[in-house]
Amino acid sequence: MTPSNAAIYQSGTCTPESLRTLAGYLELALDEGESVVLMRVGTQVRSVYVGDPSGALEDLTDSGVVDAFQADEMLMLTRLGLNRITADGQQYRFVRSVRYIADRQAVVFTPT
């Protein structure tokens, strides 16, 4: 992400596509009372799951994939711990954490 894009987001005039995508997955997680789990699948894409990250990988619901650039941007625009973002006028609060599921590192976004 270029510094100019970060400045545009910070000013509140434009929501990056990566945060719109994250917001969509957070909506799914909120509907199910679960978390969003983002896992590396190779160099080009990341798998997205919704479910309880303390369980087994098989217990998570496969919810799609995002390209690596978009996933990296999500991580650049959020931080570990409590986050607040606004995507298209809707505010979201969540905790971002890291854990291992099936011996793979995963980033977990848990709505609060």
C-alpha atoms as a PDB file:
ATOM      1  CA  MET A   1       0.000   0.000   0.000  1.00  0.00           C
ATOM      2  CA  THR A   2       1.365   3.419  -0.881  1.00  0.00           C
ATOM      3  CA  PRO A   3       1.635   6.123   1.762  1.00  0.00           C
ATOM      4  CA  SER A   4      -0.897   8.213  -0.171  1.00  0.00           C
ATOM      5  CA  ASN A   5      -3.493   5.421   0.112  1.00  0.00           C
ATOM      6  CA  ALA A   6      -2.854   5.174   3.858  1.00  0.00           C
ATOM      7  CA  ALA A   7      -3.298   8.942   4.162  1.00  0.00           C
ATOM      8  CA  ILE A   8      -6.594   8.801   2.238  1.00  0.00           C
ATOM      9  CA  TYR A   9      -7.926   6.073   4.542  1.00  0.00           C
ATOM     10  CA  GLN A  10      -6.807   7.931   7.664  1.00  0.00           C
ATOM     11  CA  SER A  11      -8.652  11.027   6.503  1.00  0.00           C
ATOM     12  CA  GLY A  12     -11.849   8.986   6.310  1.00  0.00           C
ATOM     13  CA  THR A  13     -12.638   9.900   2.708  1.00  0.00           C
ATOM     14  CA  CYS A  14     -12.085   6.451   1.192  1.00  0.00           C
ATOM     15  CA  THR A  15     -12.298   2.890   2.492  1.00  0.00           C
ATOM     16  CA  PRO A  16      -9.619   0.617   0.989  1.00  0.00           C
ATOM     17  CA  GLU A  17     -10.979  -2.488  -0.733  1.00  0.00           C
ATOM     18  CA  SER A  18      -9.056  -4.678   1.727  1.00  0.00           C
ATOM     19  CA  LEU A  19     -10.999  -3.216   4.664  1.00  0.00           C
ATOM     20  CA  ARG A  20     -14.287  -3.611   2.802  1.00  0.00           C
ATOM     21  CA  THR A  21     -13.394  -7.269   2.330  1.00  0.00           C
ATOM     22  CA  LEU A  22     -12.438  -7.663   5.989  1.00  0.00           C
ATOM     23  CA  ALA A  23     -15.691  -5.958   7.006  1.00  0.00           C
ATOM     24  CA  GLY A  24     -17.663  -8.472   4.925  1.00  0.00           C
ATOM     25  CA  TYR A  25     -15.978 -11.371   6.695  1.00  0.00           C
ATOM     26  CA  LEU A  26     -16.493  -9.680  10.081  1.00  0.00           C
ATOM     27  CA  GLU A  27     -20.211  -9.479   9.271  1.00  0.00           C
ATOM     28  CA  LEU A  28     -20.235 -13.264   8.649  1.00  0.00           C
ATOM     29  CA  ALA A  29     -18.401 -13.834  11.918  1.00  0.00           C
ATOM     30  CA  LEU A  30     -20.799 -11.571  13.818  1.00  0.00           C
ATOM     31  CA  ASP A  31     -23.797 -13.450  12.392  1.00  0.00           C
ATOM     32  CA  GLU A  32     -22.356 -16.745  13.636  1.00  0.00           C
ATOM     33  CA  GLY A  33     -20.802 -15.475  16.878  1.00  0.00           C
ATOM     34  CA  GLU A  34     -17.375 -16.599  15.686  1.00  0.00           C
ATOM     35  CA  SER A  35     -14.038 -15.259  14.436  1.00  0.00           C
ATOM     36  CA  VAL A  36     -12.442 -14.687  11.037  1.00  0.00           C
ATOM     37  CA  VAL A  37      -9.310 -16.774  10.479  1.00  0.00           C
ATOM     38  CA  LEU A  38      -6.817 -15.855   7.739  1.00  0.00           C
ATOM     39  CA  MET A  39      -4.244 -18.489   6.712  1.00  0.00           C
ATOM     40  CA  ARG A  40      -1.464 -18.571   4.120  1.00  0.00           C
ATOM     41  CA  VAL A  41      -2.071 -21.039   1.281  1.00  0.00           C
ATOM     42  CA  GLY A  42       0.970 -20.247  -0.832  1.00  0.00           C
ATOM     43  CA  THR A  43       2.431 -17.090  -2.237  1.00  0.00           C
ATOM     44  CA  GLN A  44      -0.606 -15.752  -4.114  1.00  0.00           C
ATOM     45  CA  VAL A  45      -3.681 -16.282  -1.906  1.00  0.00           C
ATOM     46  CA  ARG A  46      -4.820 -16.592   1.706  1.00  0.00           C
ATOM     47  CA  SER A  47      -7.669 -18.826   2.873  1.00  0.00           C
ATOM     48  CA  VAL A  48     -10.405 -17.267   4.963  1.00  0.00           C
ATOM     49  CA  TYR A  49     -12.369 -19.302   7.488  1.00  0.00           C
ATOM     50  CA  VAL A  50     -15.083 -18.411   9.963  1.00  0.00           C
ATOM     51  CA  GLY A  51     -15.313 -20.301  13.231  1.00  0.00           C
ATOM     52  CA  ASP A  52     -13.737 -20.942  16.610  1.00  0.00           C
ATOM     53  CA  PRO A  53      -9.949 -20.734  16.184  1.00  0.00           C
ATOM     54  CA  SER A  54      -9.356 -22.806  19.316  1.00  0.00           C
ATOM     55  CA  GLY A  55     -10.750 -25.890  17.563  1.00  0.00           C
ATOM     56  CA  ALA A  56      -9.464 -28.001  14.702  1.00  0.00           C
ATOM     57  CA  LEU A  57      -9.058 -26.701  11.155  1.00  0.00           C
ATOM     58  CA  GLU A  58     -11.771 -29.128  10.019  1.00  0.00           C
ATOM     59  CA  ASP A  59     -14.242 -27.400  12.343  1.00  0.00           C
ATOM     60  CA  LEU A  60     -13.796 -24.018  10.641  1.00  0.00           C
ATOM     61  CA  THR A  61     -16.092 -23.001   7.783  1.00  0.00           C
ATOM     62  CA  ASP A  62     -14.200 -22.322   4.556  1.00  0.00           C
ATOM     63  CA  SER A  63     -15.375 -18.859   3.522  1.00  0.00           C
ATOM     64  CA  GLY A  64     -13.219 -18.164   0.495  1.00  0.00           C
ATOM     65  CA  VAL A  65      -9.840 -16.733  -0.418  1.00  0.00           C
ATOM     66  CA  VAL A  66      -8.292 -13.301  -0.743  1.00  0.00           C
ATOM     67  CA  ASP A  67      -5.223 -12.455  -2.766  1.00  0.00           C
ATOM     68  CA  ALA A  68      -1.977 -11.998  -0.884  1.00  0.00           C
ATOM     69  CA  PHE A  69      -1.741  -8.261  -1.620  1.00  0.00           C
ATOM     70  CA  GLN A  70      -5.184  -7.647  -0.146  1.00  0.00           C
ATOM     71  CA  ALA A  71      -4.415  -9.774   2.926  1.00  0.00           C
ATOM     72  CA  ASP A  72      -1.124  -7.946   3.452  1.00  0.00           C
ATOM     73  CA  GLU A  73      -2.947  -4.626   3.238  1.00  0.00           C
ATOM     74  CA  MET A  74      -5.466  -5.813   5.867  1.00  0.00           C
ATOM     75  CA  LEU A  75      -2.553  -6.523   8.178  1.00  0.00           C
ATOM     76  CA  MET A  76      -0.912  -3.163   7.418  1.00  0.00           C
ATOM     77  CA  LEU A  77      -4.095  -1.268   8.262  1.00  0.00           C
ATOM     78  CA  THR A  78      -4.762  -3.167  11.502  1.00  0.00           C
ATOM     79  CA  ARG A  79      -2.610  -4.143  14.472  1.00  0.00           C
ATOM     80  CA  LEU A  80      -2.399  -6.839  17.119  1.00  0.00           C
ATOM     81  CA  GLY A  81      -4.892  -6.224  19.896  1.00  0.00           C
ATOM     82  CA  LEU A  82      -8.014  -4.070  19.814  1.00  0.00           C
ATOM     83  CA  ASN A  83      -8.868  -2.380  16.506  1.00  0.00           C
ATOM     84  CA  ARG A  84     -11.586  -0.043  15.296  1.00  0.00           C
ATOM     85  CA  ILE A  85     -12.158   0.477  11.597  1.00  0.00           C
ATOM     86  CA  THR A  86     -14.826   2.160   9.533  1.00  0.00           C
ATOM     87  CA  ALA A  87     -15.816   0.552   6.248  1.00  0.00           C
ATOM     88  CA  ASP A  88     -18.322   2.465   4.146  1.00  0.00           C
ATOM     89  CA  GLY A  89     -19.745   4.254   7.161  1.00  0.00           C
ATOM     90  CA  GLN A  90     -20.119   1.137   9.346  1.00  0.00           C
ATOM     91  CA  GLN A  91     -17.849   0.858  12.385  1.00  0.00           C
ATOM     92  CA  TYR A  92     -16.290  -2.445  13.441  1.00  0.00           C
ATOM     93  CA  ARG A  93     -14.468  -3.353  16.659  1.00  0.00           C
ATOM     94  CA  PHE A  94     -12.348  -6.478  16.784  1.00  0.00           C
ATOM     95  CA  VAL A  95      -9.281  -8.002  18.348  1.00  0.00           C
ATOM     96  CA  ARG A  96      -6.531  -9.191  16.024  1.00  0.00           C
ATOM     97  CA  SER A  97      -4.387 -12.048  17.315  1.00  0.00           C
ATOM     98  CA  VAL A  98      -2.086 -14.767  16.021  1.00  0.00           C
ATOM     99  CA  ARG A  99      -2.290 -18.482  16.729  1.00  0.00           C
ATOM    100  CA  TYR A 100      -1.376 -21.830  15.222  1.00  0.00           C
ATOM    101  CA  ILE A 101      -4.032 -24.082  13.737  1.00  0.00           C
ATOM    102  CA  ALA A 102      -2.994 -27.442  12.257  1.00  0.00           C
ATOM    103  CA  ASP A 103       0.656 -26.385  12.640  1.00  0.00           C
ATOM    104  CA  ARG A 104       0.100 -23.306  10.458  1.00  0.00           C
ATOM    105  CA  GLN A 105       0.202 -19.720  11.612  1.00  0.00           C
ATOM    106  CA  ALA A 106      -3.140 -17.947  11.376  1.00  0.00           C
ATOM    107  CA  VAL A 107      -4.254 -14.364  11.920  1.00  0.00           C
ATOM    108  CA  VAL A 108      -7.532 -14.200  13.858  1.00  0.00           C
ATOM    109  CA  PHE A 109      -9.976 -11.280  13.789  1.00  0.00           C
ATOM    110  CA  THR A 110     -12.507 -11.605  16.620  1.00  0.00           C
ATOM    111  CA  PRO A 111     -15.398  -9.113  16.675  1.00  0.00           C
ATOM    112  CA  THR A 112     -16.076  -7.550  20.074  1.00  0.00           C
END
